[in-house]
Structure formats: structure tokens, C-alpha cells
Amino acid sequence: MTYYIIKTIVSAFLIVGISEVSKRFSFIGAILASVPLTSVLAMIWMYQESKDVEQIAQLSTEIFWLVIPSLSFFIAFPILLRNKMNFYLAMTVSLTIMIVFYFIMILILKKCGIRA
């Protein structure tokens, strides 16, 4: 139980820390946010718990392929905000676009015989 509390605190600390840095220095915040911290933490936690490097390698490969459709969010979101769309509506529309791109990517990967 203590391990899960530590994992939660470390993860929350990183999110809050990046948010606070971003308020003062948006570029540094962007650099920190662009680092795949969630993925790295997930792999570290998985390794600590299972030591199964094959499972971690598979996760890393799947993350690679699924980063591509996630980029659609970062294209759509600023465009919608700059066109004066309400923040929450822009967030919802951008997330919806990203989800559609995820499904498209999964279909493409299946057609190419890539397991993801």
C-alpha cells in the first residue's frame, strides 16, 4: 500500500510542478511537458513491480505508434483557441479529434500487421 501512495505522490508532484513552472516560464514548461514523463514513470513502476523487460519493450513500441495520433490534439487545440472557441469546448473538440485519429491509427496498424 505504501508503494502505491509513493507512486501517486511522485506522479502528482510532477504534474503540479510542471503546471507551476509553466505559469512562469511557458517554454520550459513545454519542454518538461513534452518529455514522456507518464510513459517513463509507467515503465519504471512496471519494472520495479515485474522486472518483465519484454512487457516494457512492448509497451514502449505501442506508445511510439500511438504518439502519432495524439499529435492531432496539439494541432487542433491551439487553432480552436486562437479562433476564439471556448476553452472547454476547444478541449472537448480536440480530444474528440484525437480519439478519432487513435481509431484510424489502430486500423492502419492492423492492416499493416503491426500489433499495438
C-alpha atoms as a PDB file:
ATOM      1  CA  MET A   1       0.000   0.000   0.000  1.00  0.00           C
ATOM      2  CA  THR A   2       2.858   2.384   0.812  1.00  0.00           C
ATOM      3  CA  TYR A   3       4.283   1.799  -2.664  1.00  0.00           C
ATOM      4  CA  TYR A   4       1.027   2.940  -4.314  1.00  0.00           C
ATOM      5  CA  ILE A   5       0.939   6.058  -2.158  1.00  0.00           C
ATOM      6  CA  ILE A   6       4.524   6.867  -3.169  1.00  0.00           C
ATOM      7  CA  LYS A   7       3.669   6.324  -6.855  1.00  0.00           C
ATOM      8  CA  THR A   8       0.664   8.637  -6.546  1.00  0.00           C
ATOM      9  CA  ILE A   9       2.589  11.368  -4.729  1.00  0.00           C
ATOM     10  CA  VAL A  10       5.506  11.306  -7.199  1.00  0.00           C
ATOM     11  CA  SER A  11       3.148  11.407 -10.184  1.00  0.00           C
ATOM     12  CA  ALA A  12       1.051  14.221  -8.707  1.00  0.00           C
ATOM     13  CA  PHE A  13       4.166  16.186  -7.753  1.00  0.00           C
ATOM     14  CA  LEU A  14       5.411  16.086 -11.354  1.00  0.00           C
ATOM     15  CA  ILE A  15       2.084  17.277 -12.752  1.00  0.00           C
ATOM     16  CA  VAL A  16       1.775  20.128 -10.256  1.00  0.00           C
ATOM     17  CA  GLY A  17       5.434  21.046 -10.695  1.00  0.00           C
ATOM     18  CA  ILE A  18       5.143  21.275 -14.475  1.00  0.00           C
ATOM     19  CA  SER A  19       1.956  23.313 -14.151  1.00  0.00           C
ATOM     20  CA  GLU A  20       3.632  25.787 -11.792  1.00  0.00           C
ATOM     21  CA  VAL A  21       6.778  26.117 -13.918  1.00  0.00           C
ATOM     22  CA  SER A  22       4.584  26.661 -16.998  1.00  0.00           C
ATOM     23  CA  LYS A  23       2.873  29.644 -15.368  1.00  0.00           C
ATOM     24  CA  ARG A  24       6.199  31.452 -15.100  1.00  0.00           C
ATOM     25  CA  PHE A  25       8.211  30.017 -17.991  1.00  0.00           C
ATOM     26  CA  SER A  26       5.950  28.569 -20.671  1.00  0.00           C
ATOM     27  CA  PHE A  27       8.805  27.312 -22.855  1.00  0.00           C
ATOM     28  CA  ILE A  28      10.463  25.421 -20.003  1.00  0.00           C
ATOM     29  CA  GLY A  29       7.044  24.099 -19.013  1.00  0.00           C
ATOM     30  CA  ALA A  30       6.527  22.951 -22.599  1.00  0.00           C
ATOM     31  CA  ILE A  31       9.871  21.148 -22.587  1.00  0.00           C
ATOM     32  CA  LEU A  32       9.017  19.390 -19.334  1.00  0.00           C
ATOM     33  CA  ALA A  33       5.502  18.534 -20.516  1.00  0.00           C
ATOM     34  CA  SER A  34       6.783  17.206 -23.838  1.00  0.00           C
ATOM     35  CA  VAL A  35       9.059  14.710 -22.112  1.00  0.00           C
ATOM     36  CA  PRO A  36       7.078  11.481 -21.912  1.00  0.00           C
ATOM     37  CA  LEU A  37       7.025  11.556 -18.113  1.00  0.00           C
ATOM     38  CA  THR A  38       3.884   9.464 -17.852  1.00  0.00           C
ATOM     39  CA  SER A  39       5.386   6.795 -20.084  1.00  0.00           C
ATOM     40  CA  VAL A  40       8.732   6.849 -18.313  1.00  0.00           C
ATOM     41  CA  LEU A  41       7.089   6.626 -14.900  1.00  0.00           C
ATOM     42  CA  ALA A  42       4.831   3.801 -16.064  1.00  0.00           C
ATOM     43  CA  MET A  43       7.841   1.870 -17.335  1.00  0.00           C
ATOM     44  CA  ILE A  44       9.772   2.458 -14.115  1.00  0.00           C
ATOM     45  CA  TRP A  45       6.813   1.346 -11.991  1.00  0.00           C
ATOM     46  CA  MET A  46       6.308  -1.716 -14.221  1.00  0.00           C
ATOM     47  CA  TYR A  47       9.970  -2.661 -13.990  1.00  0.00           C
ATOM     48  CA  GLN A  48      10.015  -2.244 -10.214  1.00  0.00           C
ATOM     49  CA  GLU A  49       6.955  -4.453  -9.904  1.00  0.00           C
ATOM     50  CA  SER A  50       7.591  -7.166 -12.511  1.00  0.00           C
ATOM     51  CA  LYS A  51      11.138  -6.923 -13.930  1.00  0.00           C
ATOM     52  CA  ASP A  52       9.489  -8.049 -17.209  1.00  0.00           C
ATOM     53  CA  VAL A  53      11.577  -6.201 -19.804  1.00  0.00           C
ATOM     54  CA  GLU A  54       9.704  -7.794 -22.723  1.00  0.00           C
ATOM     55  CA  GLN A  55       6.409  -6.354 -21.480  1.00  0.00           C
ATOM     56  CA  ILE A  56       8.071  -2.953 -21.058  1.00  0.00           C
ATOM     57  CA  ALA A  57       9.577  -3.162 -24.554  1.00  0.00           C
ATOM     58  CA  GLN A  58       6.109  -3.954 -25.947  1.00  0.00           C
ATOM     59  CA  LEU A  59       4.619  -1.004 -24.066  1.00  0.00           C
ATOM     60  CA  SER A  60       7.344   1.281 -25.431  1.00  0.00           C
ATOM     61  CA  THR A  61       6.659   0.147 -29.012  1.00  0.00           C
ATOM     62  CA  GLU A  62       2.919   0.637 -28.614  1.00  0.00           C
ATOM     63  CA  ILE A  63       3.473   4.102 -27.121  1.00  0.00           C
ATOM     64  CA  PHE A  64       5.592   5.014 -30.156  1.00  0.00           C
ATOM     65  CA  TRP A  65       2.806   4.192 -32.595  1.00  0.00           C
ATOM     66  CA  LEU A  66       0.127   5.899 -30.512  1.00  0.00           C
ATOM     67  CA  VAL A  67       2.046   9.146 -30.034  1.00  0.00           C
ATOM     68  CA  ILE A  68       1.433   9.900 -33.698  1.00  0.00           C
ATOM     69  CA  PRO A  69      -2.365  10.297 -33.450  1.00  0.00           C
ATOM     70  CA  SER A  70      -2.026  12.160 -30.144  1.00  0.00           C
ATOM     71  CA  LEU A  71      -0.265  14.962 -32.028  1.00  0.00           C
ATOM     72  CA  SER A  72      -3.595  15.849 -33.656  1.00  0.00           C
ATOM     73  CA  PHE A  73      -4.690  17.277 -30.291  1.00  0.00           C
ATOM     74  CA  PHE A  74      -1.759  19.719 -30.275  1.00  0.00           C
ATOM     75  CA  ILE A  75      -2.606  20.853 -33.792  1.00  0.00           C
ATOM     76  CA  ALA A  76      -6.346  21.316 -33.274  1.00  0.00           C
ATOM     77  CA  PHE A  77      -6.369  22.780 -29.757  1.00  0.00           C
ATOM     78  CA  PRO A  78      -4.372  25.988 -30.357  1.00  0.00           C
ATOM     79  CA  ILE A  79      -6.159  26.582 -33.663  1.00  0.00           C
ATOM     80  CA  LEU A  80      -9.545  26.393 -31.960  1.00  0.00           C
ATOM     81  CA  LEU A  81      -8.437  28.620 -29.072  1.00  0.00           C
ATOM     82  CA  ARG A  82      -6.981  31.227 -31.418  1.00  0.00           C
ATOM     83  CA  ASN A  83     -10.292  31.235 -33.283  1.00  0.00           C
ATOM     84  CA  LYS A  84     -11.977  32.282 -30.034  1.00  0.00           C
ATOM     85  CA  MET A  85     -13.604  28.949 -29.210  1.00  0.00           C
ATOM     86  CA  ASN A  86     -14.477  28.476 -25.543  1.00  0.00           C
ATOM     87  CA  PHE A  87     -11.651  26.683 -23.701  1.00  0.00           C
ATOM     88  CA  TYR A  88     -13.712  23.684 -22.597  1.00  0.00           C
ATOM     89  CA  LEU A  89     -15.389  23.309 -25.980  1.00  0.00           C
ATOM     90  CA  ALA A  90     -11.993  23.545 -27.717  1.00  0.00           C
ATOM     91  CA  MET A  91     -10.639  20.920 -25.319  1.00  0.00           C
ATOM     92  CA  THR A  92     -13.604  18.621 -25.994  1.00  0.00           C
ATOM     93  CA  VAL A  93     -13.408  19.014 -29.765  1.00  0.00           C
ATOM     94  CA  SER A  94      -9.629  18.499 -29.771  1.00  0.00           C
ATOM     95  CA  LEU A  95      -9.891  15.390 -27.614  1.00  0.00           C
ATOM     96  CA  THR A  96     -12.624  14.039 -29.891  1.00  0.00           C
ATOM     97  CA  ILE A  97     -10.444  14.627 -32.948  1.00  0.00           C
ATOM     98  CA  MET A  98      -7.582  12.847 -31.207  1.00  0.00           C
ATOM     99  CA  ILE A  99      -9.761   9.860 -30.319  1.00  0.00           C
ATOM    100  CA  VAL A 100     -10.872   9.574 -33.954  1.00  0.00           C
ATOM    101  CA  PHE A 101      -7.219   9.623 -35.016  1.00  0.00           C
ATOM    102  CA  TYR A 102      -6.450   6.883 -32.474  1.00  0.00           C
ATOM    103  CA  PHE A 103      -9.094   4.642 -34.041  1.00  0.00           C
ATOM    104  CA  ILE A 104      -7.758   5.416 -37.524  1.00  0.00           C
ATOM    105  CA  MET A 105      -4.201   4.613 -36.418  1.00  0.00           C
ATOM    106  CA  ILE A 106      -5.292   1.329 -34.834  1.00  0.00           C
ATOM    107  CA  LEU A 107      -6.985   0.339 -38.098  1.00  0.00           C
ATOM    108  CA  ILE A 108      -3.882   1.263 -40.106  1.00  0.00           C
ATOM    109  CA  LEU A 109      -1.622  -0.704 -37.754  1.00  0.00           C
ATOM    110  CA  LYS A 110      -3.873  -3.772 -38.016  1.00  0.00           C
ATOM    111  CA  LYS A 111      -3.856  -3.558 -41.843  1.00  0.00           C
ATOM    112  CA  CYS A 112      -0.060  -3.375 -41.781  1.00  0.00           C
ATOM    113  CA  GLY A 113       0.147  -6.355 -39.428  1.00  0.00           C
ATOM    114  CA  ILE A 114       1.584  -4.333 -36.568  1.00  0.00           C
ATOM    115  CA  ARG A 115       0.375  -5.387 -33.156  1.00  0.00           C
ATOM    116  CA  ALA A 116      -0.469  -2.385 -30.992  1.00  0.00           C
END
